[in-house]
């Protein structure tokens, strides 16, 4: 049978462990809350920056509509030229490397 002293030590140890676990839980909750707050601030800053860029682009397009249309046409033309030559160039390179080795 356990003596009164042993029961007191066991109770004291149990309450110390419970108290330490409560402190760890509180610190983890504080850390998680702080991390969530910082993440929310970062999200707000990113969203605000994206809105500013969107407004800047819209403003530029309104000020220079013909230049933007010409640039879009030029980029589209260059991409179409690159894509139209890509498959034949790829086929030629593949067939060329097949006979070398």
PDB file of N, CA and C in Angstrom:
ATOM      1  N   UNK A   1       0.820  -1.176   0.000  1.00  0.00           N
ATOM      2  CA  UNK A   1       0.000   0.000   0.000  1.00  0.00           C
ATOM      3  C   UNK A   1       0.870   1.248   0.000  1.00  0.00           C
ATOM      4  N   UNK A   2       0.413   2.267  -0.717  1.00  0.00           N
ATOM      5  CA  UNK A   2       1.155   3.509  -0.790  1.00  0.00           C
ATOM      6  C   UNK A   2       0.884   4.334   0.460  1.00  0.00           C
ATOM      7  N   UNK A   3       1.920   4.956   0.949  1.00  0.00           N
ATOM      8  CA  UNK A   3       1.770   5.779   2.145  1.00  0.00           C
ATOM      9  C   UNK A   3       1.198   7.135   1.754  1.00  0.00           C
ATOM     10  N   UNK A   4       0.845   7.900   2.758  1.00  0.00           N
ATOM     11  CA  UNK A   4       0.308   9.235   2.517  1.00  0.00           C
ATOM     12  C   UNK A   4       1.348  10.101   1.834  1.00  0.00           C
ATOM     13  N   UNK A   5       2.601   9.902   2.182  1.00  0.00           N
ATOM     14  CA  UNK A   5       3.681  10.691   1.577  1.00  0.00           C
ATOM     15  C   UNK A   5       3.787  10.379   0.083  1.00  0.00           C
ATOM     16  N   UNK A   6       3.707   9.077  -0.272  1.00  0.00           N
ATOM     17  CA  UNK A   6       3.784   8.673  -1.672  1.00  0.00           C
ATOM     18  C   UNK A   6       2.615   9.248  -2.478  1.00  0.00           C
ATOM     19  N   UNK A   7       1.438   9.271  -1.864  1.00  0.00           N
ATOM     20  CA  UNK A   7       0.275   9.823  -2.545  1.00  0.00           C
ATOM     21  C   UNK A   7       0.447  11.326  -2.759  1.00  0.00           C
ATOM     22  N   UNK A   8       1.010  11.999  -1.825  1.00  0.00           N
ATOM     23  CA  UNK A   8       1.249  13.431  -1.943  1.00  0.00           C
ATOM     24  C   UNK A   8       2.246  13.740  -3.035  1.00  0.00           C
ATOM     25  N   UNK A   9       3.309  12.929  -3.126  1.00  0.00           N
ATOM     26  CA  UNK A   9       4.318  13.115  -4.164  1.00  0.00           C
ATOM     27  C   UNK A   9       3.694  12.853  -5.535  1.00  0.00           C
ATOM     28  N   UNK A  10       2.887  11.781  -5.607  1.00  0.00           N
ATOM     29  CA  UNK A  10       2.237  11.446  -6.864  1.00  0.00           C
ATOM     30  C   UNK A  10       1.278  12.550  -7.286  1.00  0.00           C
ATOM     31  N   UNK A  11       0.504  13.069  -6.336  1.00  0.00           N
ATOM     32  CA  UNK A  11      -0.433  14.153  -6.637  1.00  0.00           C
ATOM     33  C   UNK A  11       0.321  15.414  -7.066  1.00  0.00           C
ATOM     34  N   UNK A  12       1.400  15.698  -6.377  1.00  0.00           N
ATOM     35  CA  UNK A  12       2.215  16.872  -6.702  1.00  0.00           C
ATOM     36  C   UNK A  12       2.817  16.736  -8.096  1.00  0.00           C
ATOM     37  N   UNK A  13       3.328  15.552  -8.403  1.00  0.00           N
ATOM     38  CA  UNK A  13       3.908  15.306  -9.715  1.00  0.00           C
ATOM     39  C   UNK A  13       2.836  15.418 -10.797  1.00  0.00           C
ATOM     40  N   UNK A  14       1.683  14.849 -10.546  1.00  0.00           N
ATOM     41  CA  UNK A  14       0.586  14.902 -11.511  1.00  0.00           C
ATOM     42  C   UNK A  14       0.148  16.338 -11.757  1.00  0.00           C
ATOM     43  N   UNK A  15       0.028  17.131 -10.698  1.00  0.00           N
ATOM     44  CA  UNK A  15      -0.402  18.511 -10.896  1.00  0.00           C
ATOM     45  C   UNK A  15       0.683  19.320 -11.593  1.00  0.00           C
ATOM     46  N   UNK A  16       1.963  19.016 -11.350  1.00  0.00           N
ATOM     47  CA  UNK A  16       3.051  19.713 -12.046  1.00  0.00           C
ATOM     48  C   UNK A  16       3.019  19.403 -13.532  1.00  0.00           C
ATOM     49  N   UNK A  17       2.804  18.139 -13.871  1.00  0.00           N
ATOM     50  CA  UNK A  17       2.733  17.736 -15.276  1.00  0.00           C
ATOM     51  C   UNK A  17       1.514  18.377 -15.943  1.00  0.00           C
ATOM     52  N   UNK A  18       0.400  18.392 -15.255  1.00  0.00           N
ATOM     53  CA  UNK A  18      -0.806  19.006 -15.800  1.00  0.00           C
ATOM     54  C   UNK A  18      -0.594  20.502 -16.024  1.00  0.00           C
ATOM     55  N   UNK A  19       0.056  21.156 -15.064  1.00  0.00           N
ATOM     56  CA  UNK A  19       0.331  22.582 -15.193  1.00  0.00           C
ATOM     57  C   UNK A  19       1.281  22.850 -16.369  1.00  0.00           C
ATOM     58  N   UNK A  20       2.327  22.033 -16.515  1.00  0.00           N
ATOM     59  CA  UNK A  20       3.269  22.198 -17.623  1.00  0.00           C
ATOM     60  C   UNK A  20       2.570  21.975 -18.952  1.00  0.00           C
ATOM     61  N   UNK A  21       1.709  20.976 -19.022  1.00  0.00           N
ATOM     62  CA  UNK A  21       0.972  20.712 -20.259  1.00  0.00           C
ATOM     63  C   UNK A  21       0.066  21.892 -20.603  1.00  0.00           C
ATOM     64  N   UNK A  22      -0.559  22.477 -19.587  1.00  0.00           N
ATOM     65  CA  UNK A  22      -1.402  23.649 -19.819  1.00  0.00           C
ATOM     66  C   UNK A  22      -0.600  24.831 -20.340  1.00  0.00           C
ATOM     67  N   UNK A  23       0.620  25.017 -19.798  1.00  0.00           N
ATOM     68  CA  UNK A  23       1.475  26.109 -20.264  1.00  0.00           C
ATOM     69  C   UNK A  23       1.919  25.882 -21.704  1.00  0.00           C
ATOM     70  N   UNK A  24       2.270  24.642 -22.041  1.00  0.00           N
ATOM     71  CA  UNK A  24       2.671  24.321 -23.418  1.00  0.00           C
ATOM     72  C   UNK A  24       1.504  24.566 -24.363  1.00  0.00           C
ATOM     73  N   UNK A  25       0.316  24.125 -23.946  1.00  0.00           N
ATOM     74  CA  UNK A  25      -0.873  24.324 -24.783  1.00  0.00           C
ATOM     75  C   UNK A  25      -1.119  25.815 -25.017  1.00  0.00           C
ATOM     76  N   UNK A  26      -0.980  26.618 -23.969  1.00  0.00           N
ATOM     77  CA  UNK A  26      -1.190  28.061 -24.097  1.00  0.00           C
ATOM     78  C   UNK A  26      -0.158  28.691 -25.032  1.00  0.00           C
ATOM     79  N   UNK A  27       1.096  28.271 -24.911  1.00  0.00           N
ATOM     80  CA  UNK A  27       2.144  28.818 -25.781  1.00  0.00           C
ATOM     81  C   UNK A  27       1.911  28.423 -27.237  1.00  0.00           C
ATOM     82  N   UNK A  28       1.478  27.199 -27.469  1.00  0.00           N
ATOM     83  CA  UNK A  28       1.193  26.749 -28.835  1.00  0.00           C
ATOM     84  C   UNK A  28       0.024  27.544 -29.409  1.00  0.00           C
ATOM     85  N   UNK A  29      -0.997  27.773 -28.604  1.00  0.00           N
ATOM     86  CA  UNK A  29      -2.141  28.558 -29.074  1.00  0.00           C
ATOM     87  C   UNK A  29      -1.726  29.999 -29.382  1.00  0.00           C
ATOM     88  N   UNK A  30      -0.877  30.579 -28.529  1.00  0.00           N
ATOM     89  CA  UNK A  30      -0.384  31.942 -28.787  1.00  0.00           C
ATOM     90  C   UNK A  30       0.412  31.995 -30.080  1.00  0.00           C
ATOM     91  N   UNK A  31       1.280  30.999 -30.277  1.00  0.00           N
ATOM     92  CA  UNK A  31       2.094  30.955 -31.503  1.00  0.00           C
ATOM     93  C   UNK A  31       1.198  30.821 -32.727  1.00  0.00           C
ATOM     94  N   UNK A  32       0.223  29.927 -32.668  1.00  0.00           N
ATOM     95  CA  UNK A  32      -0.678  29.713 -33.807  1.00  0.00           C
ATOM     96  C   UNK A  32      -1.492  30.971 -34.088  1.00  0.00           C
ATOM     97  N   UNK A  33      -1.943  31.634 -33.044  1.00  0.00           N
ATOM     98  CA  UNK A  33      -2.713  32.856 -33.223  1.00  0.00           C
ATOM     99  C   UNK A  33      -1.853  33.945 -33.861  1.00  0.00           C
ATOM    100  N   UNK A  34      -0.605  34.076 -33.402  1.00  0.00           N
ATOM    101  CA  UNK A  34       0.310  35.069 -33.985  1.00  0.00           C
ATOM    102  C   UNK A  34       0.618  34.759 -35.438  1.00  0.00           C
ATOM    103  N   UNK A  35       0.824  33.476 -35.735  1.00  0.00           N
ATOM    104  CA  UNK A  35       1.119  33.078 -37.112  1.00  0.00           C
ATOM    105  C   UNK A  35      -0.089  33.366 -38.014  1.00  0.00           C
ATOM    106  N   UNK A  36      -1.267  33.083 -37.532  1.00  0.00           N
ATOM    107  CA  UNK A  36      -2.477  33.348 -38.325  1.00  0.00           C
ATOM    108  C   UNK A  36      -2.639  34.848 -38.566  1.00  0.00           C
ATOM    109  N   UNK A  37      -2.332  35.643 -37.550  1.00  0.00           N
ATOM    110  CA  UNK A  37      -2.430  37.101 -37.696  1.00  0.00           C
ATOM    111  C   UNK A  37      -1.432  37.608 -38.732  1.00  0.00           C
ATOM    112  N   UNK A  38      -0.188  37.131 -38.660  1.00  0.00           N
ATOM    113  CA  UNK A  38       0.832  37.553 -39.635  1.00  0.00           C
ATOM    114  C   UNK A  38       0.473  37.093 -41.039  1.00  0.00           C
ATOM    115  N   UNK A  39      -0.072  35.902 -41.163  1.00  0.00           N
ATOM    116  CA  UNK A  39      -0.498  35.402 -42.470  1.00  0.00           C
ATOM    117  C   UNK A  39      -1.625  36.263 -43.034  1.00  0.00           C
ATOM    118  N   UNK A  40      -2.551  36.660 -42.188  1.00  0.00           N
ATOM    119  CA  UNK A  40      -3.636  37.528 -42.629  1.00  0.00           C
ATOM    120  C   UNK A  40      -3.118  38.881 -43.102  1.00  0.00           C
ATOM    121  N   UNK A  41      -2.137  39.433 -42.380  1.00  0.00           N
ATOM    122  CA  UNK A  41      -1.548  40.710 -42.792  1.00  0.00           C
ATOM    123  C   UNK A  41      -0.822  40.570 -44.128  1.00  0.00           C
ATOM    124  N   UNK A  42      -0.093  39.465 -44.307  1.00  0.00           N
ATOM    125  CA  UNK A  42       0.616  39.236 -45.573  1.00  0.00           C
ATOM    126  C   UNK A  42      -0.383  39.107 -46.720  1.00  0.00           C
ATOM    127  N   UNK A  43      -1.482  38.411 -46.490  1.00  0.00           N
ATOM    128  CA  UNK A  43      -2.508  38.245 -47.525  1.00  0.00           C
ATOM    129  C   UNK A  43      -3.101  39.597 -47.908  1.00  0.00           C
ATOM    130  N   UNK A  44      -3.394  40.418 -46.908  1.00  0.00           N
ATOM    131  CA  UNK A  44      -3.967  41.743 -47.181  1.00  0.00           C
ATOM    132  C   UNK A  44      -2.995  42.603 -47.990  1.00  0.00           C
ATOM    133  N   UNK A  45      -1.714  42.547 -47.641  1.00  0.00           N
ATOM    134  CA  UNK A  45      -0.713  43.327 -48.361  1.00  0.00           C
ATOM    135  C   UNK A  45      -0.591  42.848 -49.805  1.00  0.00           C
ATOM    136  N   UNK A  46      -0.609  41.540 -50.009  1.00  0.00           N
ATOM    137  CA  UNK A  46      -0.514  40.982 -51.355  1.00  0.00           C
ATOM    138  C   UNK A  46      -1.730  41.375 -52.195  1.00  0.00           C
ATOM    139  N   UNK A  47      -2.896  41.267 -51.600  1.00  0.00           N
ATOM    140  CA  UNK A  47      -4.122  41.622 -52.310  1.00  0.00           C
ATOM    141  C   UNK A  47      -4.125  43.106 -52.674  1.00  0.00           C
ATOM    142  N   UNK A  48      -3.685  43.936 -51.753  1.00  0.00           N
ATOM    143  CA  UNK A  48      -3.627  45.369 -52.012  1.00  0.00           C
ATOM    144  C   UNK A  48      -2.644  45.675 -53.142  1.00  0.00           C
ATOM    145  N   UNK A  49      -1.489  45.005 -53.127  1.00  0.00           N
ATOM    146  CA  UNK A  49      -0.504  45.199 -54.197  1.00  0.00           C
ATOM    147  C   UNK A  49      -1.041  44.768 -55.549  1.00  0.00           C
ATOM    148  N   UNK A  50      -1.743  43.638 -55.574  1.00  0.00           N
ATOM    149  CA  UNK A  50      -2.318  43.151 -56.836  1.00  0.00           C
ATOM    150  C   UNK A  50      -3.383  44.114 -57.350  1.00  0.00           C
ATOM    151  N   UNK A  51      -4.169  44.668 -56.459  1.00  0.00           N
ATOM    152  CA  UNK A  51      -5.186  45.639 -56.880  1.00  0.00           C
ATOM    153  C   UNK A  51      -4.523  46.885 -57.458  1.00  0.00           C
ATOM    154  N   UNK A  52      -3.420  47.311 -56.850  1.00  0.00           N
ATOM    155  CA  UNK A  52      -2.708  48.491 -57.361  1.00  0.00           C
ATOM    156  C   UNK A  52      -2.143  48.222 -58.749  1.00  0.00           C
ATOM    157  N   UNK A  53      -1.575  47.038 -58.957  1.00  0.00           N
ATOM    158  CA  UNK A  53      -1.027  46.693 -60.273  1.00  0.00           C
ATOM    159  C   UNK A  53      -2.147  46.654 -61.301  1.00  0.00           C
ATOM    160  N   UNK A  54      -3.264  46.067 -60.924  1.00  0.00           N
ATOM    161  CA  UNK A  54      -4.405  45.992 -61.837  1.00  0.00           C
ATOM    162  C   UNK A  54      -4.885  47.390 -62.225  1.00  0.00           C
ATOM    163  N   UNK A  55      -4.948  48.281 -61.254  1.00  0.00           N
ATOM    164  CA  UNK A  55      -5.367  49.652 -61.547  1.00  0.00           C
ATOM    165  C   UNK A  55      -4.354  50.358 -62.444  1.00  0.00           C
ATOM    166  N   UNK A  56      -3.058  50.113 -62.204  1.00  0.00           N
ATOM    167  CA  UNK A  56      -2.017  50.727 -63.028  1.00  0.00           C
ATOM    168  C   UNK A  56      -2.098  50.248 -64.475  1.00  0.00           C
ATOM    169  N   UNK A  57      -2.313  48.946 -64.653  1.00  0.00           N
ATOM    170  CA  UNK A  57      -2.424  48.397 -66.005  1.00  0.00           C
ATOM    171  C   UNK A  57      -3.646  48.969 -66.713  1.00  0.00           C
ATOM    172  N   UNK A  58      -4.753  49.019 -66.016  1.00  0.00           N
ATOM    173  CA  UNK A  58      -5.978  49.569 -66.617  1.00  0.00           C
ATOM    174  C   UNK A  58      -5.777  51.033 -67.007  1.00  0.00           C
ATOM    175  N   UNK A  59      -5.106  51.777 -66.158  1.00  0.00           N
ATOM    176  CA  UNK A  59      -4.839  53.181 -66.452  1.00  0.00           C
ATOM    177  C   UNK A  59      -3.936  53.321 -67.679  1.00  0.00           C
ATOM    178  N   UNK A  60      -2.918  52.466 -67.775  1.00  0.00           N
ATOM    179  CA  UNK A  60      -2.005  52.497 -68.921  1.00  0.00           C
ATOM    180  C   UNK A  60      -2.748  52.173 -70.208  1.00  0.00           C
ATOM    181  N   UNK A  61      -3.611  51.175 -70.153  1.00  0.00           N
ATOM    182  CA  UNK A  61      -4.380  50.783 -71.345  1.00  0.00           C
ATOM    183  C   UNK A  61      -5.316  51.912 -71.769  1.00  0.00           C
ATOM    184  N   UNK A  62      -5.916  52.608 -70.795  1.00  0.00           N
ATOM    185  CA  UNK A  62      -6.786  53.733 -71.141  1.00  0.00           C
ATOM    186  C   UNK A  62      -6.003  54.892 -71.759  1.00  0.00           C
ATOM    187  N   UNK A  63      -4.782  55.125 -71.289  1.00  0.00           N
ATOM    188  CA  UNK A  63      -3.983  56.233 -71.820  1.00  0.00           C
ATOM    189  C   UNK A  63      -3.397  55.924 -73.191  1.00  0.00           C
ATOM    190  N   UNK A  64      -3.003  54.661 -73.422  1.00  0.00           N
ATOM    191  CA  UNK A  64      -2.323  54.291 -74.670  1.00  0.00           C
ATOM    192  C   UNK A  64      -3.001  53.077 -75.325  1.00  0.00           C
ATOM    193  N   UNK A  65      -4.241  53.202 -75.756  1.00  0.00           N
ATOM    194  CA  UNK A  65      -4.949  52.030 -76.288  1.00  0.00           C
ATOM    195  C   UNK A  65      -4.338  51.502 -77.587  1.00  0.00           C
ATOM    196  N   UNK A  66      -3.891  52.382 -78.471  1.00  0.00           N
ATOM    197  CA  UNK A  66      -3.341  51.910 -79.747  1.00  0.00           C
ATOM    198  C   UNK A  66      -1.989  51.236 -79.554  1.00  0.00           C
ATOM    199  N   UNK A  67      -1.168  51.761 -78.670  1.00  0.00           N
ATOM    200  CA  UNK A  67       0.135  51.147 -78.397  1.00  0.00           C
ATOM    201  C   UNK A  67      -0.050  49.763 -77.774  1.00  0.00           C
ATOM    202  N   UNK A  68      -1.012  49.640 -76.878  1.00  0.00           N
ATOM    203  CA  UNK A  68      -1.275  48.340 -76.242  1.00  0.00           C
ATOM    204  C   UNK A  68      -1.793  47.348 -77.276  1.00  0.00           C
ATOM    205  N   UNK A  69      -2.689  47.794 -78.159  1.00  0.00           N
ATOM    206  CA  UNK A  69      -3.221  46.902 -79.198  1.00  0.00           C
ATOM    207  C   UNK A  69      -2.115  46.463 -80.153  1.00  0.00           C
ATOM    208  N   UNK A  70      -1.230  47.398 -80.526  1.00  0.00           N
ATOM    209  CA  UNK A  70      -0.122  47.047 -81.420  1.00  0.00           C
ATOM    210  C   UNK A  70       0.837  46.072 -80.741  1.00  0.00           C
ATOM    211  N   UNK A  71       1.124  46.295 -79.469  1.00  0.00           N
ATOM    212  CA  UNK A  71       2.016  45.382 -78.735  1.00  0.00           C
ATOM    213  C   UNK A  71       1.388  43.998 -78.620  1.00  0.00           C
ATOM    214  N   UNK A  72       0.086  43.946 -78.333  1.00  0.00           N
ATOM    215  CA  UNK A  72      -0.592  42.652 -78.232  1.00  0.00           C
ATOM    216  C   UNK A  72      -0.573  41.937 -79.580  1.00  0.00           C
ATOM    217  N   UNK A  73      -0.794  42.668 -80.653  1.00  0.00           N
ATOM    218  CA  UNK A  73      -0.749  42.072 -81.992  1.00  0.00           C
ATOM    219  C   UNK A  73       0.655  41.542 -82.286  1.00  0.00           C
ATOM    220  N   UNK A  74       1.671  42.335 -81.978  1.00  0.00           N
ATOM    221  CA  UNK A  74       3.053  41.920 -82.230  1.00  0.00           C
ATOM    222  C   UNK A  74       3.441  40.688 -81.433  1.00  0.00           C
ATOM    223  N   UNK A  75       3.075  40.662 -80.182  1.00  0.00           N
ATOM    224  CA  UNK A  75       3.386  39.495 -79.350  1.00  0.00           C
ATOM    225  C   UNK A  75       2.645  38.269 -79.868  1.00  0.00           C
ATOM    226  N   UNK A  76       1.384  38.436 -80.238  1.00  0.00           N
ATOM    227  CA  UNK A  76       0.618  37.317 -80.792  1.00  0.00           C
ATOM    228  C   UNK A  76       1.233  36.794 -82.076  1.00  0.00           C
ATOM    229  N   UNK A  77       1.691  37.707 -82.935  1.00  0.00           N
ATOM    230  CA  UNK A  77       2.333  37.302 -84.181  1.00  0.00           C
ATOM    231  C   UNK A  77       3.613  36.509 -83.908  1.00  0.00           C
ATOM    232  N   UNK A  78       4.446  37.003 -83.001  1.00  0.00           N
ATOM    233  CA  UNK A  78       5.700  36.312 -82.677  1.00  0.00           C
ATOM    234  C   UNK A  78       5.445  34.926 -82.081  1.00  0.00           C
ATOM    235  N   UNK A  79       4.471  34.833 -81.215  1.00  0.00           N
ATOM    236  CA  UNK A  79       4.153  33.531 -80.619  1.00  0.00           C
ATOM    237  C   UNK A  79       3.629  32.575 -81.685  1.00  0.00           C
ATOM    238  N   UNK A  80       2.778  33.068 -82.585  1.00  0.00           N
ATOM    239  CA  UNK A  80       2.249  32.186 -83.634  1.00  0.00           C
ATOM    240  C   UNK A  80       3.365  31.710 -84.560  1.00  0.00           C
ATOM    241  N   UNK A  81       4.317  32.580 -84.871  1.00  0.00           N
ATOM    242  CA  UNK A  81       5.445  32.176 -85.716  1.00  0.00           C
ATOM    243  C   UNK A  81       6.311  31.135 -85.012  1.00  0.00           C
ATOM    244  N   UNK A  82       6.555  31.341 -83.760  1.00  0.00           N
ATOM    245  CA  UNK A  82       7.367  30.384 -83.001  1.00  0.00           C
ATOM    246  C   UNK A  82       6.673  29.031 -82.923  1.00  0.00           C
ATOM    247  N   UNK A  83       5.367  29.035 -82.692  1.00  0.00           N
ATOM    248  CA  UNK A  83       4.646  27.765 -82.583  1.00  0.00           C
ATOM    249  C   UNK A  83       4.465  27.079 -83.932  1.00  0.00           C
ATOM    250  N   UNK A  84       4.373  27.842 -84.992  1.00  0.00           N
ATOM    251  CA  UNK A  84       4.178  27.204 -86.295  1.00  0.00           C
ATOM    252  C   UNK A  84       5.457  26.518 -86.771  1.00  0.00           C
ATOM    253  N   UNK A  85       6.609  26.969 -86.360  1.00  0.00           N
ATOM    254  CA  UNK A  85       7.866  26.346 -86.762  1.00  0.00           C
ATOM    255  C   UNK A  85       8.358  25.302 -85.773  1.00  0.00           C
ATOM    256  N   UNK A  86       7.840  25.296 -84.605  1.00  0.00           N
ATOM    257  CA  UNK A  86       8.325  24.400 -83.572  1.00  0.00           C
ATOM    258  C   UNK A  86       8.137  22.920 -83.910  1.00  0.00           C
ATOM    259  N   UNK A  87       6.962  22.446 -84.331  1.00  0.00           N
ATOM    260  CA  UNK A  87       6.817  21.011 -84.594  1.00  0.00           C
ATOM    261  C   UNK A  87       7.732  20.514 -85.721  1.00  0.00           C
ATOM    262  N   UNK A  88       7.874  21.274 -86.802  1.00  0.00           N
ATOM    263  CA  UNK A  88       8.728  20.799 -87.890  1.00  0.00           C
ATOM    264  C   UNK A  88      10.184  20.800 -87.462  1.00  0.00           C
ATOM    265  N   UNK A  89      10.594  21.783 -86.711  1.00  0.00           N
ATOM    266  CA  UNK A  89      11.963  21.829 -86.225  1.00  0.00           C
ATOM    267  C   UNK A  89      12.212  20.669 -85.267  1.00  0.00           C
ATOM    268  N   UNK A  90      11.263  20.368 -84.402  1.00  0.00           N
ATOM    269  CA  UNK A  90      11.401  19.274 -83.451  1.00  0.00           C
ATOM    270  C   UNK A  90      11.472  17.939 -84.195  1.00  0.00           C
ATOM    271  N   UNK A  91      10.640  17.754 -85.207  1.00  0.00           N
ATOM    272  CA  UNK A  91      10.647  16.515 -85.986  1.00  0.00           C
ATOM    273  C   UNK A  91      11.984  16.345 -86.695  1.00  0.00           C
ATOM    274  N   UNK A  92      12.498  17.438 -87.269  1.00  0.00           N
ATOM    275  CA  UNK A  92      13.781  17.373 -87.966  1.00  0.00           C
ATOM    276  C   UNK A  92      14.906  17.001 -87.005  1.00  0.00           C
ATOM    277  N   UNK A  93      14.916  17.602 -85.833  1.00  0.00           N
ATOM    278  CA  UNK A  93      15.974  17.302 -84.866  1.00  0.00           C
ATOM    279  C   UNK A  93      15.882  15.863 -84.379  1.00  0.00           C
ATOM    280  N   UNK A  94      14.668  15.379 -84.171  1.00  0.00           N
ATOM    281  CA  UNK A  94      14.511  14.009 -83.682  1.00  0.00           C
ATOM    282  C   UNK A  94      14.935  13.004 -84.749  1.00  0.00           C
ATOM    283  N   UNK A  95      14.577  13.240 -85.998  1.00  0.00           N
ATOM    284  CA  UNK A  95      14.943  12.298 -87.051  1.00  0.00           C
ATOM    285  C   UNK A  95      16.441  12.367 -87.322  1.00  0.00           C
ATOM    286  N   UNK A  96      17.047  13.528 -87.163  1.00  0.00           N
ATOM    287  CA  UNK A  96      18.471  13.687 -87.382  1.00  0.00           C
ATOM    288  C   UNK A  96      19.262  12.932 -86.313  1.00  0.00           C
ATOM    289  N   UNK A  97      18.838  13.012 -85.069  1.00  0.00           N
ATOM    290  CA  UNK A  97      19.558  12.339 -83.994  1.00  0.00           C
ATOM    291  C   UNK A  97      19.351  10.833 -84.040  1.00  0.00           C
ATOM    292  N   UNK A  98      18.273  10.381 -84.659  1.00  0.00           N
ATOM    293  CA  UNK A  98      17.987   8.954 -84.754  1.00  0.00           C
ATOM    294  C   UNK A  98      18.989   8.256 -85.680  1.00  0.00           C
ATOM    295  N   UNK A  99      19.432   8.910 -86.730  1.00  0.00           N
ATOM    296  CA  UNK A  99      20.349   8.289 -87.701  1.00  0.00           C
ATOM    297  C   UNK A  99      21.800   8.456 -87.318  1.00  0.00           C
ATOM    298  N   UNK A 100      22.116   9.246 -86.320  1.00  0.00           N
ATOM    299  CA  UNK A 100      23.505   9.446 -85.952  1.00  0.00           C
ATOM    300  C   UNK A 100      24.057   8.294 -85.135  1.00  0.00           C
ATOM    301  N   UNK A 101      23.287   7.618 -84.437  1.00  0.00           N
ATOM    302  CA  UNK A 101      23.854   6.720 -83.490  1.00  0.00           C
ATOM    303  C   UNK A 101      23.680   5.305 -83.670  1.00  0.00           C
TER     304      UNK A 101
END
